Amino acid sequence: MQDVLYAAVVDAILALKAASRGVPNTLLRDLNAIHANTTFADLPPELQKALQAGVRAAFTRLLKEGYSVSPAGSAPPRPASPPRREGGHGQRPGGPGGNRGPRPGGGQPPRAPRTGPGGGPRPGGGRGPRPKG
């Protein structure tokens, strides 16, 4: 596929050169006129023909290599998500996500807040090294 794209780019450059009729300033003007918002109709006729030929060659090659090329609306729509299984096989208790909530008697007990000397909160909000003393 890379050689098809390369050939299309080379053909487009040659078409731009042909559209300028050998005048360098015209070639530069045509090249500078191409930008992200340029439409196909804005391109010189020679370049339009080269692009049409390149696209036709690319589609022909894709068809020869076994790819299927069809209009946008002709393919059947894909399902948005996999179908749901009925019967609950393989599901955890508590729903599809297996969210059972807190376990009774499990887990770690809550931590006591850190304190500094004398029982009060540590200076500096509990960050940094402990004061020596």
Protein backbone atom coordinates (compact mmCIF):
# COMPACT_ATOMS: atom_id res chain seq x y z
CA MET A 1 0.00 0.00 0.00
CA GLN A 2 2.95 2.30 0.65
CA ASP A 3 3.96 2.26 -3.01
CA VAL A 4 0.42 3.27 -4.06
CA LEU A 5 0.56 6.28 -1.73
CA TYR A 6 4.05 7.18 -2.89
CA ALA A 7 2.95 7.01 -6.53
CA ALA A 8 -0.08 9.21 -5.75
CA VAL A 9 2.11 11.86 -4.11
CA VAL A 10 4.61 11.87 -6.99
CA ASP A 11 1.76 12.10 -9.51
CA ALA A 12 0.26 15.02 -7.56
CA ILE A 13 3.60 16.87 -7.57
CA LEU A 14 4.01 16.28 -11.30
CA ALA A 15 0.44 17.50 -11.86
CA LEU A 16 1.19 20.70 -9.92
CA LYS A 17 4.28 21.21 -12.07
CA ALA A 18 2.21 20.68 -15.22
CA ALA A 19 -0.45 23.13 -13.98
CA SER A 20 2.21 25.83 -13.52
CA ARG A 21 3.34 25.39 -17.16
CA GLY A 22 7.00 25.68 -16.15
CA VAL A 23 6.66 29.05 -14.40
CA PRO A 24 8.26 28.76 -10.93
CA ASN A 25 6.24 31.61 -9.40
CA THR A 26 2.98 30.00 -10.51
CA LEU A 27 4.09 26.68 -9.00
CA LEU A 28 4.87 28.37 -5.68
CA ARG A 29 1.56 30.25 -5.74
CA ASP A 30 -0.38 27.03 -6.40
CA LEU A 31 1.54 25.19 -3.69
CA ASN A 32 0.99 27.97 -1.13
CA ALA A 33 -2.72 28.03 -1.96
CA ILE A 34 -3.11 24.46 -0.64
CA HIS A 35 -3.94 24.34 3.08
CA ALA A 36 -6.12 22.37 5.51
CA ASN A 37 -9.36 24.04 4.37
CA THR A 38 -8.72 23.72 0.63
CA THR A 39 -11.54 21.91 -1.15
CA PHE A 40 -11.14 19.58 -4.10
CA ALA A 41 -12.75 22.17 -6.40
CA ASP A 42 -10.08 24.75 -5.40
CA LEU A 43 -7.27 22.59 -6.81
CA PRO A 44 -5.95 23.03 -10.36
CA PRO A 45 -7.69 20.70 -12.89
CA GLU A 46 -4.45 18.77 -13.54
CA LEU A 47 -4.10 18.00 -9.84
CA GLN A 48 -7.77 16.98 -9.60
CA LYS A 49 -7.27 14.45 -12.40
CA ALA A 50 -4.09 13.09 -10.78
CA LEU A 51 -5.86 12.66 -7.43
CA GLN A 52 -8.81 10.90 -9.05
CA ALA A 53 -6.44 8.52 -10.84
CA GLY A 54 -4.50 7.85 -7.61
CA VAL A 55 -7.67 7.06 -5.65
CA ARG A 56 -8.92 4.81 -8.42
CA ALA A 57 -5.58 2.94 -8.45
CA ALA A 58 -5.64 2.54 -4.65
CA PHE A 59 -9.18 1.09 -4.67
CA THR A 60 -8.34 -1.23 -7.54
CA ARG A 61 -5.32 -2.51 -5.66
CA LEU A 62 -7.33 -3.01 -2.46
CA LEU A 63 -9.90 -5.04 -4.38
CA LYS A 64 -7.16 -7.16 -5.99
CA GLU A 65 -5.66 -7.87 -2.56
CA GLY A 66 -9.00 -9.17 -1.31
CA TYR A 67 -10.31 -6.21 0.66
CA SER A 68 -13.99 -5.35 0.48
CA VAL A 69 -14.79 -1.80 -0.58
CA SER A 70 -18.41 -0.69 -0.22
CA PRO A 71 -20.40 2.54 0.19
CA ALA A 72 -20.64 3.98 3.70
CA GLY A 73 -24.26 3.06 4.42
CA SER A 74 -24.21 -0.50 3.05
CA ALA A 75 -22.41 -2.30 5.88
CA PRO A 76 -24.64 -3.78 8.61
CA PRO A 77 -24.34 -1.90 11.92
CA ARG A 78 -22.28 -3.53 14.65
CA PRO A 79 -23.82 -4.12 18.07
CA ALA A 80 -22.79 -1.43 20.56
CA SER A 81 -21.97 -3.89 23.32
CA PRO A 82 -21.68 -7.67 23.62
CA PRO A 83 -25.00 -9.41 24.23
CA ARG A 84 -25.83 -10.09 27.89
CA ARG A 85 -25.87 -13.66 29.10
CA GLU A 86 -29.05 -14.82 30.72
CA GLY A 87 -29.26 -17.12 33.72
CA GLY A 88 -26.58 -15.52 35.89
CA HIS A 89 -23.83 -18.02 35.08
CA GLY A 90 -20.44 -16.78 36.17
CA GLN A 91 -21.73 -13.65 37.91
CA ARG A 92 -20.68 -12.69 41.40
CA PRO A 93 -23.24 -12.05 44.12
CA GLY A 94 -24.37 -8.48 44.31
CA GLY A 95 -24.72 -7.73 40.61
CA PRO A 96 -22.66 -7.65 37.42
CA GLY A 97 -19.73 -5.76 38.91
CA GLY A 98 -19.42 -8.05 41.90
CA ASN A 99 -19.73 -5.13 44.31
CA ARG A 100 -20.64 -6.88 47.53
CA GLY A 101 -20.05 -3.94 49.83
CA PRO A 102 -17.95 -4.09 53.01
CA ARG A 103 -17.05 -7.50 54.31
CA PRO A 104 -18.25 -8.28 57.81
CA GLY A 105 -15.31 -8.57 60.19
CA GLY A 106 -12.79 -8.03 57.41
CA GLY A 107 -10.49 -5.21 56.53
CA GLN A 108 -8.18 -3.11 58.65
CA PRO A 109 -9.26 -1.04 61.64
CA PRO A 110 -9.17 2.75 61.13
CA ARG A 111 -5.85 4.37 61.91
CA ALA A 112 -5.41 6.74 64.82
CA PRO A 113 -4.25 10.26 63.84
CA ARG A 114 -0.52 10.86 64.15
CA THR A 115 0.50 13.01 67.04
CA GLY A 116 3.67 14.74 68.10
CA PRO A 117 5.22 15.07 71.56
CA GLY A 118 2.70 15.90 74.27
CA GLY A 119 -0.26 14.34 72.49
CA GLY A 120 -1.04 17.26 70.16
CA PRO A 121 -0.83 17.32 66.41
CA ARG A 122 2.66 17.29 64.98
CA PRO A 123 4.07 20.71 64.03
CA GLY A 124 3.87 21.49 60.33
CA GLY A 125 0.69 19.53 59.73
CA GLY A 126 2.33 16.14 60.07
CA ARG A 127 4.69 16.56 57.12
CA GLY A 128 8.46 16.47 57.16
CA PRO A 129 10.90 15.01 59.70
CA ARG A 130 10.03 14.71 63.36
CA PRO A 131 11.53 17.32 65.68
CA LYS A 132 14.39 16.06 67.79
CA GLY A 133 14.06 16.32 71.46
